[in-house]
Protein backbone atom coordinates (compact mmCIF):
# COMPACT_ATOMS: atom_id res chain seq x y z
CA MET A 1 90.84 103.97 38.46
CA LYS A 2 87.11 103.16 38.29
CA ARG A 3 87.60 100.49 40.94
CA ILE A 4 89.42 102.87 43.30
CA ILE A 5 86.61 105.38 42.85
CA LEU A 6 84.05 102.67 43.61
CA CYS A 7 85.77 101.75 46.91
CA ILE A 8 85.97 105.42 47.95
CA ALA A 9 82.43 106.20 46.80
CA ILE A 10 80.89 103.40 48.86
CA GLY A 11 82.79 104.65 51.91
CA LEU A 12 81.72 108.28 51.38
CA TYR A 13 78.11 107.21 50.92
CA SER A 14 78.26 105.43 54.28
CA LEU A 15 79.66 108.56 55.94
CA TRP A 16 76.86 110.65 54.40
CA ALA A 17 74.29 108.17 55.73
CA PHE A 18 75.75 108.51 59.23
CA ALA A 19 75.57 112.30 58.96
CA GLN A 20 71.84 112.17 58.21
CA MET A 21 71.02 110.31 61.42
CA ASP A 22 69.82 112.26 64.43
CA GLY A 23 71.92 111.60 67.52
CA GLN A 24 70.33 110.80 70.86
CA ALA A 25 72.25 110.62 74.09
CA ILE A 26 72.73 107.21 75.65
CA ASP A 27 74.73 106.09 78.65
CA THR A 28 77.30 103.79 77.08
CA ILE A 29 78.67 103.09 73.63
CA TYR A 30 80.49 99.78 73.15
CA VAL A 31 82.81 100.17 70.19
CA GLN A 32 84.38 96.73 70.49
CA SER A 33 81.90 93.88 70.61
CA LYS A 34 82.42 90.14 70.99
CA LEU A 35 83.07 88.40 67.71
CA HIS A 36 79.95 86.48 66.69
CA SER A 37 81.06 83.25 65.07
CA SER A 38 79.68 79.82 64.36
CA ALA A 39 83.12 78.32 65.05
CA HIS A 40 85.26 77.56 68.12
CA VAL A 41 86.34 80.94 69.54
CA GLU A 42 89.03 81.70 72.14
CA ASP A 43 89.74 85.15 73.59
CA ILE A 44 93.36 85.72 74.63
CA GLU A 45 94.22 88.18 77.34
CA PRO A 46 96.95 90.73 76.52
CA SER A 47 100.41 89.98 77.90
CA HIS A 48 102.95 92.54 79.07
CA THR A 49 105.80 90.00 79.23
CA LEU A 50 105.69 88.65 75.67
CA THR A 51 107.32 90.59 72.86
CA ASN A 52 105.19 89.81 69.80
CA LEU A 53 102.01 88.15 68.61
CA SER A 54 103.71 84.89 67.63
CA GLN A 55 104.88 84.36 71.24
CA VAL A 56 101.43 85.22 72.62
CA LEU A 57 99.70 82.68 70.37
CA GLN A 58 102.21 79.89 70.93
CA ASP A 59 102.18 80.29 74.72
CA GLN A 60 98.40 80.31 75.12
CA GLU A 61 96.98 78.16 72.30
CA ALA A 62 97.71 74.82 70.60
CA ILE A 63 98.81 76.62 67.43
CA TYR A 64 101.89 75.84 65.37
CA ILE A 65 104.10 78.88 64.77
CA LYS A 66 106.73 78.48 62.04
CA ASN A 67 109.64 80.83 62.71
CA TYR A 68 113.33 81.34 62.00
CA ASN A 69 113.86 82.45 65.62
CA THR A 70 111.86 84.26 68.30
CA HIS A 71 112.27 87.70 66.68
CA ASN A 72 112.35 86.86 62.98
CA LEU A 73 109.89 85.73 60.32
CA SER A 74 106.93 83.96 61.99
CA THR A 75 103.86 82.49 60.29
CA ILE A 76 100.98 80.43 61.55
CA SER A 77 99.35 77.08 60.82
CA MET A 78 95.89 76.23 62.18
CA ARG A 79 94.14 72.90 61.78
CA GLY A 80 96.69 71.61 59.31
CA SER A 81 96.38 74.59 56.98
CA SER A 82 99.11 76.58 55.25
CA ALA A 83 100.16 80.05 56.43
CA ALA A 84 98.21 81.60 53.53
CA GLN A 85 95.03 79.85 54.72
CA THR A 86 94.80 81.73 58.02
CA GLY A 87 93.23 85.20 58.00
CA ILE A 88 94.77 88.01 60.08
CA TYR A 89 92.43 90.95 60.76
CA TRP A 90 92.89 94.32 62.45
CA ASN A 91 89.59 95.84 63.59
CA ASN A 92 87.72 93.60 61.10
CA LEU A 93 89.92 94.49 58.10
CA SER A 94 92.40 92.05 56.59
CA ILE A 95 96.03 93.11 57.01
CA THR A 96 97.44 90.07 55.22
CA ASN A 97 99.99 91.03 52.57
CA ASN A 98 98.14 90.22 49.33
CA MET A 99 101.42 89.61 47.48
CA LEU A 100 102.40 86.80 49.86
CA GLY A 101 99.01 85.82 51.23
CA LEU A 102 100.37 85.87 54.79
CA LEU A 103 101.58 88.17 57.59
CA ASP A 104 104.78 88.10 59.65
CA LEU A 105 103.48 87.78 63.24
CA SER A 106 106.83 88.86 64.71
CA LEU A 107 106.08 92.39 63.40
CA ILE A 108 102.97 92.71 65.62
CA PRO A 109 103.99 93.97 69.10
CA GLY A 110 101.91 92.18 71.73
CA SER A 111 101.74 95.33 73.87
CA PHE A 112 99.72 97.19 71.19
CA ILE A 113 96.78 94.76 71.14
CA GLU A 114 93.91 95.26 73.58
CA LYS A 115 92.22 92.02 72.60
CA THR A 116 93.17 88.98 70.50
CA THR A 117 90.50 86.54 69.37
CA VAL A 118 91.38 83.17 67.84
CA VAL A 119 88.73 81.48 65.69
CA TYR A 120 89.34 77.80 64.91
CA GLY A 121 87.72 76.75 61.65
CA SER A 122 86.77 78.52 58.47
CA GLU A 123 84.95 81.85 58.29
CA SER A 124 85.03 82.03 54.47
CA SER A 125 81.33 82.89 54.36
CA VAL A 126 81.99 86.02 56.42
CA PHE A 127 85.54 87.15 55.66
CA GLY A 128 86.20 85.56 52.27
CA SER A 129 89.40 84.31 50.68
CA GLY A 130 92.08 82.70 52.81
CA ASN A 131 90.02 82.07 55.94
CA ILE A 132 90.23 78.26 55.78
CA GLY A 133 92.11 76.96 58.83
CA GLY A 134 90.96 79.80 61.05
CA GLY A 135 91.46 83.48 61.78
CA ILE A 136 93.27 85.82 64.19
CA TYR A 137 91.28 88.98 65.03
CA LEU A 138 93.15 91.90 66.61
CA SER A 139 91.39 94.80 68.33
CA THR A 140 93.18 98.03 69.20
CA GLY A 141 91.69 101.08 70.80
CA LEU A 142 92.08 103.34 73.81
CA PRO A 143 94.11 101.73 76.61
CA LYS A 144 92.41 101.49 80.01
CA GLU A 145 95.20 103.31 81.82
CA LYS A 146 96.05 107.00 81.40
CA PHE A 147 99.77 106.31 81.18
CA SER A 148 101.89 103.18 81.15
CA LEU A 149 105.52 102.35 80.62
CA SER A 150 107.17 98.95 80.41
CA THR A 151 110.71 97.83 79.79
CA ARG A 152 111.82 94.29 79.06
CA ILE A 153 115.46 93.14 79.16
CA GLY A 154 116.41 89.63 78.10
CA SER A 155 119.29 87.31 77.34
CA PHE A 156 121.48 87.78 74.27
CA ASN A 157 121.30 91.62 74.53
CA ASN A 158 117.61 91.71 73.60
CA TYR A 159 115.37 94.48 74.93
CA ASP A 160 111.88 95.85 74.35
CA HIS A 161 110.35 99.15 75.57
CA THR A 162 106.70 100.30 75.31
CA ALA A 163 105.02 103.57 76.30
CA LYS A 164 101.29 104.43 76.16
CA VAL A 165 99.43 107.62 77.01
CA ARG A 166 95.68 108.38 76.89
CA PHE A 167 94.26 111.92 76.97
CA GLY A 168 91.28 114.09 75.99
CA THR A 169 87.63 114.37 76.99
CA ASN A 170 85.27 115.08 74.08
CA ILE A 171 87.76 113.57 71.64
CA GLN A 172 89.67 110.83 73.43
CA SER A 173 93.06 109.93 72.02
CA SER A 174 96.01 107.71 72.76
CA ILE A 175 99.58 107.32 71.57
CA LYS A 176 101.54 104.06 71.75
CA PHE A 177 105.21 103.58 70.99
CA ASN A 178 107.35 100.44 70.99
CA VAL A 179 111.03 99.89 70.25
CA GLN A 180 112.81 96.53 70.09
CA HIS A 181 116.46 95.68 69.71
CA VAL A 182 117.79 92.13 69.42
CA GLU A 183 121.24 90.67 68.92
CA ASN A 184 120.27 86.99 69.24
CA THR A 185 123.83 85.90 69.92
CA TYR A 186 122.78 82.59 71.42
CA PRO A 187 124.74 79.32 71.25
CA TYR A 188 123.39 76.18 69.59
CA THR A 189 124.59 72.65 68.88
CA THR A 190 124.91 71.31 65.34
CA ASP A 191 123.86 67.80 64.30
CA GLY A 192 127.52 66.85 64.51
CA GLY A 193 127.76 67.96 68.17
CA GLU A 194 129.69 71.18 67.51
CA ILE A 195 128.72 74.22 69.61
CA ARG A 196 128.36 77.41 67.59
CA GLN A 197 127.01 80.89 68.16
CA LEU A 198 124.20 82.22 66.01
CA GLU A 199 125.46 84.90 63.64
CA ASN A 200 123.79 87.69 61.67
CA GLY A 201 120.78 87.68 63.99
CA GLU A 202 120.69 91.40 64.85
CA GLY A 203 117.62 93.54 64.29
CA GLN A 204 115.62 96.58 65.34
CA GLN A 205 111.91 97.36 65.26
CA TYR A 206 110.05 100.64 65.82
CA HIS A 207 106.25 100.82 66.11
CA GLY A 208 103.93 103.76 66.68
CA MET A 209 100.14 103.95 66.92
CA ILE A 210 97.80 106.95 67.22
CA ASN A 211 94.15 106.39 68.07
CA SER A 212 91.36 109.00 68.36
CA GLN A 213 87.73 108.40 69.25
CA TYR A 214 84.73 110.76 69.21
CA THR A 215 81.28 109.88 70.53
CA LYS A 216 78.12 111.84 69.78
CA GLY A 217 74.81 110.37 70.85
CA LYS A 218 74.53 106.95 69.29
CA ASN A 219 77.39 107.54 66.87
CA VAL A 220 81.01 106.58 67.44
CA PHE A 221 83.87 107.64 65.15
CA ARG A 222 87.43 106.32 65.38
CA LEU A 223 90.58 107.12 63.45
CA GLN A 224 93.80 105.12 63.84
CA TYR A 225 97.29 105.17 62.37
CA TRP A 226 99.78 102.35 62.84
CA GLY A 227 103.29 102.70 61.49
CA SER A 228 106.17 100.26 61.85
CA TYR A 229 109.76 99.99 60.68
CA ALA A 230 111.87 96.85 61.05
CA ASN A 231 115.46 96.32 59.94
CA ARG A 232 116.43 92.70 60.59
CA ASN A 233 119.25 90.46 59.52
CA ILE A 234 118.41 86.88 58.55
CA PRO A 235 120.42 84.53 60.80
CA TYR A 236 122.82 81.99 59.35
CA THR A 237 121.56 78.46 58.94
CA THR A 238 123.50 75.60 60.47
CA ARG A 239 125.04 75.08 57.02
CA GLN A 240 126.17 78.68 56.46
CA ILE A 241 129.56 80.13 57.31
CA ALA A 242 129.10 83.54 55.64
CA GLY A 243 126.40 85.86 54.38
CA ASN A 244 124.68 89.17 55.06
CA ASP A 245 121.03 88.52 54.16
CA ALA A 246 118.65 91.11 55.60
CA THR A 247 115.13 92.47 55.27
CA ILE A 248 113.63 95.91 55.80
CA ASP A 249 109.88 96.18 56.43
CA LEU A 250 108.07 99.51 56.38
CA ASN A 251 104.33 99.19 57.03
CA GLN A 252 101.76 101.96 57.34
CA ARG A 253 98.11 101.32 58.21
CA PHE A 254 95.30 103.88 58.33
CA HIS A 255 91.92 102.85 59.75
CA PHE A 256 88.60 104.69 60.03
CA ASN A 257 85.55 103.33 61.82
CA ALA A 258 82.04 104.75 62.15
CA LYS A 259 79.43 102.92 64.21
CA ARG A 260 75.79 103.81 64.66
CA ILE A 261 73.55 102.17 67.25
CA ILE A 262 69.98 101.93 65.99
CA LYS A 263 66.89 100.35 67.47
CA ASN A 264 67.66 96.65 67.99
CA GLY A 265 70.81 96.82 65.86
CA THR A 266 73.94 98.50 64.59
CA ILE A 267 75.51 99.83 61.40
CA ASP A 268 79.28 99.43 61.35
CA TRP A 269 81.62 100.82 58.67
CA ASN A 270 85.36 100.13 58.59
CA SER A 271 87.70 101.57 55.99
CA GLY A 272 91.45 101.20 55.66
CA TYR A 273 94.44 102.18 53.55
CA PHE A 274 97.49 99.93 53.96
CA ILE A 275 101.04 100.21 52.56
CA ASN A 276 103.36 97.21 52.85
CA ASN A 277 106.94 97.84 51.74
CA ASN A 278 109.40 94.95 52.00
CA GLN A 279 113.01 94.97 50.82
CA PHE A 280 115.19 91.85 50.73
CA TYR A 281 118.98 92.12 50.56
CA GLN A 282 121.28 89.26 49.61
CA VAL A 283 124.89 90.02 48.63
CA GLN A 284 124.36 92.21 45.50
CA LEU A 285 120.69 91.34 45.09
CA VAL A 286 118.08 93.84 46.22
CA ASN A 287 114.46 92.81 45.81
CA ARG A 288 111.86 95.51 46.52
CA ASN A 289 108.20 94.56 47.03
CA LEU A 290 105.54 97.24 47.50
CA ILE A 291 101.75 96.92 47.70
CA HIS A 292 99.03 99.51 48.30
CA SER A 293 95.62 98.31 49.52
CA ILE A 294 92.28 100.06 50.03
CA GLU A 295 89.59 98.20 52.00
CA ASN A 296 85.97 98.93 52.93
CA ARG A 297 83.63 96.80 55.05
CA ILE A 298 80.05 97.82 55.87
CA VAL A 299 77.87 95.64 58.11
CA TYR A 300 74.23 96.15 59.09
CA LYS A 301 72.87 94.01 61.93
CA GLN A 302 69.32 93.76 63.26
CA ILE A 303 68.31 91.76 66.34
CA PHE A 304 64.80 90.68 67.33
CA SER A 305 63.63 88.39 70.12
CA SER A 306 64.32 85.08 68.38
CA LEU A 307 65.66 86.21 65.01
CA SER A 308 68.68 88.24 63.94
CA PHE A 309 70.11 88.93 60.54
CA THR A 310 73.21 90.57 59.17
CA MET A 311 73.95 92.04 55.75
CA GLY A 312 77.25 93.43 54.58
CA THR A 313 79.59 94.25 51.75
CA ASP A 314 83.36 94.13 51.29
CA GLN A 315 85.44 95.95 48.70
CA SER A 316 89.22 95.94 48.30
CA PHE A 317 91.67 97.20 45.70
CA HIS A 318 95.35 96.22 45.52
CA VAL A 319 98.22 97.59 43.43
CA ALA A 320 101.61 95.86 43.65
CA GLN A 321 105.12 96.52 42.41
CA SER A 322 108.16 94.22 42.53
CA ASN A 323 111.46 93.57 40.78
CA ASN A 324 110.00 90.16 39.95
CA TYR A 325 106.78 91.46 38.38
CA ILE A 326 106.24 92.53 34.80
CA GLY A 327 104.30 95.78 35.14
CA ARG A 328 102.17 96.64 38.19
CA PRO A 329 99.43 94.02 38.65
CA ARG A 330 96.14 95.16 40.15
CA GLN A 331 93.30 93.28 41.76
CA PHE A 332 89.78 94.37 42.69
CA ARG A 333 87.49 92.36 44.96
CA MET A 334 83.89 92.92 45.93
CA ALA A 335 81.51 90.75 47.93
CA LEU A 336 78.01 90.67 49.37
CA PHE A 337 77.36 88.54 52.44
CA GLY A 338 74.67 87.92 54.99
CA ASN A 339 73.42 85.58 57.65
CA ALA A 340 70.19 84.79 59.45
CA LYS A 341 70.10 83.32 62.95
CA TRP A 342 66.95 81.86 64.47
CA SER A 343 66.62 80.54 68.01
CA THR A 344 63.83 78.35 69.30
CA GLY A 345 63.98 76.74 72.71
CA SER A 346 67.41 75.21 73.17
CA PHE A 347 68.29 75.26 69.45
CA ILE A 348 69.91 77.95 67.29
CA PHE A 349 69.95 77.71 63.49
CA ASP A 350 72.48 79.86 61.64
CA THR A 351 72.64 80.23 57.85
CA ARG A 352 75.31 82.28 56.06
CA LEU A 353 75.94 83.12 52.43
CA ARG A 354 78.65 85.04 50.56
CA GLN A 355 78.98 85.96 46.89
CA GLU A 356 82.28 87.45 45.81
CA PHE A 357 83.84 88.42 42.53
CA ILE A 358 87.50 89.12 41.84
CA ASP A 359 88.23 91.43 38.91
CA THR A 360 85.78 90.12 36.29
CA GLN A 361 85.23 86.59 37.62
CA PHE A 362 82.65 85.35 40.12
CA VAL A 363 83.80 83.10 42.94
CA PRO A 364 81.40 80.18 43.57
CA ILE A 365 78.81 81.03 46.21
CA ILE A 366 80.12 80.29 49.71
CA PRO A 367 77.33 78.85 51.92
CA GLU A 368 77.44 77.84 55.59
CA PHE A 369 74.92 76.20 57.88
CA SER A 370 75.18 75.40 61.57
CA ILE A 371 72.88 74.14 64.29
CA SER A 372 73.61 74.66 67.98
CA PHE A 373 72.08 73.20 71.10
CA LYS A 374 72.47 74.66 74.57
CA ARG A 375 70.90 73.66 77.86
CA LYS A 376 72.20 74.49 81.30
CA LYS A 377 75.72 73.03 81.53
CA CYS A 378 76.01 71.46 78.09
CA SER A 379 76.20 72.86 74.57
CA ALA A 380 76.82 71.21 71.19
CA GLN A 381 77.18 72.32 67.59
CA LEU A 382 77.30 70.93 64.05
CA LYS A 383 78.56 73.02 61.13
CA GLY A 384 79.14 72.59 57.41
CA ASN A 385 80.48 75.17 54.96
CA ARG A 386 82.34 75.83 51.75
CA VAL A 387 85.88 77.24 51.88
CA TYR A 388 88.13 78.89 49.33
CA ARG A 389 91.35 80.86 48.77
CA ASN A 390 92.22 82.94 45.76
CA PRO A 391 95.82 82.76 44.43
CA THR A 392 98.12 85.47 45.76
CA LEU A 393 99.72 88.03 43.46
CA ASN A 394 103.03 86.16 43.76
CA ASP A 395 101.29 82.92 42.77
CA LEU A 396 99.96 84.64 39.66
CA TYR A 397 102.65 87.08 38.55
CA TRP A 398 106.04 86.23 40.11
CA THR A 399 108.79 85.89 37.51
CA PRO A 400 109.84 83.16 37.13
CA GLY A 401 107.25 80.74 38.47
CA GLY A 402 104.00 82.69 38.57
CA ASN A 403 101.04 81.06 36.85
CA GLU A 404 98.15 83.25 35.66
CA ASN A 405 96.12 80.11 34.88
CA LEU A 406 95.91 79.03 38.51
CA LYS A 407 92.50 78.05 39.87
CA PRO A 408 91.36 79.13 43.35
CA GLU A 409 91.64 76.60 46.16
CA ILE A 410 88.12 75.46 46.99
CA GLY A 411 86.56 72.74 49.11
CA TRP A 412 84.17 71.75 51.87
CA ALA A 413 84.58 71.65 55.64
CA SER A 414 82.52 70.24 58.49
CA GLU A 415 82.92 70.09 62.24
CA GLY A 416 81.13 69.10 65.41
CA SER A 417 81.79 70.13 68.99
CA ILE A 418 80.46 69.67 72.49
CA THR A 419 81.21 71.74 75.61
CA TYR A 420 80.42 71.08 79.26
CA THR A 421 80.57 73.89 81.84
CA VAL A 422 80.41 73.78 85.63
CA GLN A 423 80.14 76.93 87.71
CA LYS A 424 79.85 76.97 91.49
CA LYS A 425 80.93 79.28 94.24
CA GLY A 426 84.72 79.50 94.03
CA PHE A 427 84.92 76.97 91.19
CA GLN A 428 84.53 77.20 87.44
CA SER A 429 85.48 74.75 84.72
CA GLU A 430 84.90 74.24 81.01
CA SER A 431 85.68 71.15 78.96
CA GLY A 432 85.19 70.71 75.24
CA ILE A 433 86.02 68.54 72.25
CA SER A 434 85.84 69.40 68.54
CA ILE A 435 86.15 67.15 65.50
CA TYR A 436 86.70 68.59 62.02
CA ASN A 437 87.05 67.37 58.44
CA ARG A 438 88.10 69.41 55.37
CA THR A 439 88.98 68.66 51.74
CA ILE A 440 90.59 71.25 49.46
CA ASP A 441 90.72 70.87 45.67
CA ASN A 442 93.19 72.81 43.48
CA TRP A 443 95.63 73.19 46.39
CA ILE A 444 98.35 75.63 45.30
CA LEU A 445 101.92 74.34 45.64
CA TRP A 446 105.18 75.53 44.11
CA THR A 447 106.61 72.47 42.34
CA LEU A 448 109.19 71.59 39.71
CA GLY A 449 107.46 70.39 36.56
CA GLU A 450 108.77 68.42 33.61
CA ASP A 451 111.47 70.14 31.55
CA GLN A 452 111.61 73.07 34.02
CA TRP A 453 114.65 74.48 35.82
CA PHE A 454 112.58 76.54 38.28
CA VAL A 455 109.66 75.85 40.61
CA ARG A 456 106.24 77.01 39.45
CA ALA A 457 102.91 77.66 41.18
CA THR A 458 100.72 74.66 40.38
CA ASN A 459 97.30 73.33 41.33
CA ILE A 460 97.47 69.79 42.73
CA ASP A 461 94.45 67.51 43.03
CA GLN A 462 93.52 67.58 46.69
CA VAL A 463 94.60 67.88 50.32
CA TRP A 464 92.58 66.19 53.05
CA SER A 465 92.65 67.61 56.60
CA ARG A 466 90.95 66.11 59.65
CA GLY A 467 91.53 66.27 63.35
CA ILE A 468 90.43 66.50 66.96
CA GLU A 469 90.82 69.34 69.47
CA CYS A 470 90.36 68.86 73.21
CA LYS A 471 90.43 71.60 75.81
CA HIS A 472 89.85 72.00 79.53
CA ALA A 473 90.14 75.04 81.81
CA THR A 474 89.56 75.25 85.55
CA THR A 475 89.61 78.23 87.91
CA ILE A 476 89.52 77.66 91.67
CA GLN A 477 89.17 80.52 94.13
CA LEU A 478 90.37 79.00 97.42
CA HIS A 479 89.59 82.17 99.34
CA THR A 480 89.74 85.90 98.77
CA ASN A 481 93.49 86.05 98.22
CA THR A 482 94.35 82.67 96.65
CA SER A 483 93.46 81.29 93.22
CA ILE A 484 94.48 78.43 90.94
CA PHE A 485 94.06 78.41 87.17
CA TYR A 486 94.80 75.43 84.93
CA LYS A 487 94.31 75.12 81.17
CA ILE A 488 95.13 72.26 78.82
CA HIS A 489 94.68 72.15 75.05
CA TYR A 490 95.50 69.21 72.75
CA ALA A 491 95.17 69.16 68.96
CA LEU A 492 95.54 66.28 66.52
CA ASN A 493 95.89 67.60 62.96
CA LYS A 494 96.20 65.08 60.15
CA SER A 495 96.63 66.90 56.83
CA THR A 496 97.76 64.79 53.87
CA TYR A 497 98.43 65.07 50.15
CA GLN A 498 96.09 63.00 48.01
CA GLN A 499 98.48 62.50 45.09
CA ASP A 500 102.13 61.67 44.38
CA LEU A 501 104.57 64.46 43.48
CA ASP A 502 108.13 64.30 42.13
CA PHE A 503 109.41 67.64 43.48
CA PRO A 504 109.04 68.14 46.27
CA SER A 505 109.05 64.39 46.78
CA VAL A 506 105.59 63.51 48.09
CA LYS A 507 103.69 60.24 48.28
CA LYS A 508 99.92 60.04 48.54
CA GLY A 509 99.03 60.08 52.23
CA ASP A 510 102.14 62.03 53.34
CA GLN A 511 101.64 64.75 55.95
CA LEU A 512 102.04 68.36 54.78
CA PHE A 513 105.44 69.95 55.26
CA TYR A 514 106.06 71.60 58.65
CA THR A 515 102.72 70.37 60.04
CA PRO A 516 103.08 68.27 63.22
CA VAL A 517 100.31 65.76 63.84
CA HIS A 518 100.22 66.29 67.62
CA GLN A 519 100.29 69.59 69.53
CA PHE A 520 99.88 70.00 73.27
CA ASN A 521 99.74 73.08 75.48
CA GLN A 522 99.13 73.48 79.20
CA THR A 523 99.31 76.38 81.65
CA LEU A 524 99.22 76.40 85.45
CA LYS A 525 98.94 79.71 87.30
CA LEU A 526 98.98 80.14 91.07
CA GLY A 527 97.99 83.46 92.56
CA TYR A 528 98.29 84.77 96.12
CA LYS A 529 97.29 88.37 96.78
CA ASN A 530 99.38 90.39 94.29
CA THR A 531 101.89 87.63 93.57
CA SER A 532 101.56 84.99 90.87
CA PHE A 533 103.57 82.07 89.54
CA THR A 534 102.96 80.62 86.04
CA TYR A 535 104.22 77.42 84.44
CA SER A 536 103.52 76.67 80.77
CA HIS A 537 104.44 73.64 78.70
CA GLN A 538 104.18 72.94 74.96
CA TYR A 539 104.82 69.78 72.99
CA PHE A 540 105.06 69.37 69.21
CA SER A 541 105.45 66.01 67.51
CA GLN A 542 107.86 65.48 64.62
CA ALA A 543 107.27 67.41 61.39
CA ILE A 544 108.28 66.61 57.83
CA GLY A 545 110.65 69.15 56.30
CA ILE A 546 111.68 69.63 52.69
CA ASN A 547 114.96 67.72 53.15
CA ALA A 548 114.59 65.88 56.45
CA THR A 549 112.22 65.11 59.31
CA LEU A 550 112.37 67.52 62.26
CA PRO A 551 112.28 65.66 65.60
CA ALA A 552 109.62 66.23 68.24
CA TYR A 553 110.37 68.71 71.02
CA ALA A 554 108.95 70.06 74.27
CA LEU A 555 109.29 73.57 75.71
CA ALA A 556 108.68 74.74 79.26
CA ASN A 557 108.53 78.30 80.62
CA VAL A 558 108.18 79.68 84.14
CA GLU A 559 107.34 83.19 85.30
CA ALA A 560 107.01 84.94 88.65
CA GLN A 561 105.18 88.27 88.88
CA GLN A 562 104.67 90.78 91.65
CA ASP A 563 102.08 93.59 91.43
CA ILE A 564 102.31 96.63 93.66
CA LYS A 565 99.30 98.97 93.92
CA ILE A 566 99.67 102.51 95.29
CA LYS A 567 96.37 104.37 95.00
CA LYS A 568 95.88 104.85 91.22
CA GLN A 569 99.31 103.50 90.35
CA ASP A 570 100.27 99.94 89.48
CA ILE A 571 103.80 98.59 89.34
CA GLN A 572 104.52 95.16 87.83
CA LEU A 573 107.75 93.25 88.23
CA ALA A 574 108.13 89.94 86.37
CA PHE A 575 110.97 87.50 85.89
CA SER A 576 110.68 84.61 83.43
CA ILE A 577 112.82 81.71 82.28
CA ARG A 578 111.95 80.48 78.79
CA ASN A 579 112.86 77.03 77.51
CA ILE A 580 113.84 76.10 81.05
CA LEU A 581 114.61 72.53 79.88
CA ASN A 582 117.26 73.98 77.52
CA THR A 583 115.78 72.00 74.64
CA SER A 584 117.72 72.02 71.38
CA TYR A 585 115.19 72.21 68.54
CA GLN A 586 114.36 73.56 65.10
CA VAL A 587 110.99 74.68 63.75
CA ILE A 588 112.36 75.24 60.23
CA GLU A 589 115.16 73.08 58.85
CA PHE A 590 118.69 74.30 59.63
CA ARG A 591 117.29 77.23 61.68
CA PRO A 592 118.38 76.68 65.34
CA MET A 593 116.19 78.13 68.09
CA PRO A 594 117.49 79.52 71.41
CA GLY A 595 118.07 77.36 74.46
CA ARG A 596 117.39 78.48 78.03
CA HIS A 597 117.12 82.25 78.32
CA TYR A 598 115.90 84.85 80.77
CA GLN A 599 113.77 87.94 80.76
CA LEU A 600 113.10 90.71 83.27
CA THR A 601 110.09 93.01 82.87
CA LEU A 602 109.28 96.19 84.78
CA GLY A 603 105.97 97.96 84.16
CA TYR A 604 104.22 101.07 85.48
CA LYS A 605 100.58 102.13 85.02
CA LEU A 606 98.71 105.26 86.06
CA ASN A 607 94.96 104.56 86.06
């Protein structure tokens, strides 16, 4: 109780501090600002033709998405990390389920997100536990249009509808609603050459979001609610002939933001209350998992001519309940962090530091240092930092298998990058290469120990990750009405165990499970007036599974889009063919993915 009061008290104190400030009128308030990071950052434009966040990320970045199918459980792996080592943030607050340490990306409708930012590389010094391989930062707010409606109809009786409306003057508000229905009755071919139809793949999702914003002088206040309900069956594997496994997910997220613009700086306070309720059904087994989370994040930033510094604090409190827990475990986290950035000539020096404690134990100090160089067309950066991840509640308390004696994953990471940019009239290009190296001690893995009949969360010695990322993007404006855009992204991720294990069977030097070494992504978009044609292609090398090696595969998608503008109204019509090569592939063992399928999208916007 004292910890809950502490979280609430810090938030109320911040609100009182805002109330004491005198407001002065200014022309513009920017609520959403560009994420300031010392790592490789990519901003992804919102898509009206992709159903969920997992599809958006896989289509536009060289990121490995592990999923059962396109509308079922989807998790992410960045730079050879596990799903629990990638942070997912909504308006700067973590929405990762602290029981699992991960988030199902298929439950995030792509149409709700105004901006998605992908950060490659650790931000542990800023956002704390779990931000090792990278982070996904989601921003939601008021949509640009006053009203919009889109409907998406696809193969296998799948459809998706979204509506948005924005209203108000002094207090601006918006309402978003999304409904999805999938049957996923697609055919697939077994290893023995038999053609079957996927069964038990049906599901529904309902999402709603309310957002209100009030601006007074230099103060901005926002209040958001995001509720979602998903009832999804778990499709049969290629080895199943019966079953009725299903999951129900009920998530509620409340977010409050207050931002004050001061002389040469800002004060930003975010507070959230999140409820994650998951229920798993298997024959007569019903497993209910519920977690309540309170989060606060307060950041003060001051900018001078050549020096800027940031100070902040995080607090979070989690209470969980499960059929597989004894009692209701609780966890309290608090951290202080800061950074100082100094620029001189063409060089920028950035130092960051974070001290966190979890319950009654201090986490080792998390330092970071980077040096950047920028001159005209070329920029380069070197970075070194400490990384860590605290065990999840399931790692600690799940019965059987939880281990309260687990140590946090902790290690060191370094990276270097160089970028070259050319910008002329009608032509713009950017090329870059990044090299990274990371070692993690006390890696947490569920293994079968001696004289045990069940797997148990265990710390293993070390995992070593290293790799190279190459990217290139070119935009050519041939004349007023014609444009060409091309983007290519290649990633080599070598992530290996540094010790032998009996179960799962691992030899020193083996690649991590479900982690392909090579990933490749390219996109070509041709535009003429209000018509565009897009071709995208992804390649993933073979990946080691628990029981067998999954072969390499390539996917190709095409899309044609026509925009019609009538005064303040926009109409979009898009037709896409996904997996046009009709590739037969699996991302997870015995979980067949769909072959060639089609999608028609119709959208309307009133600006």
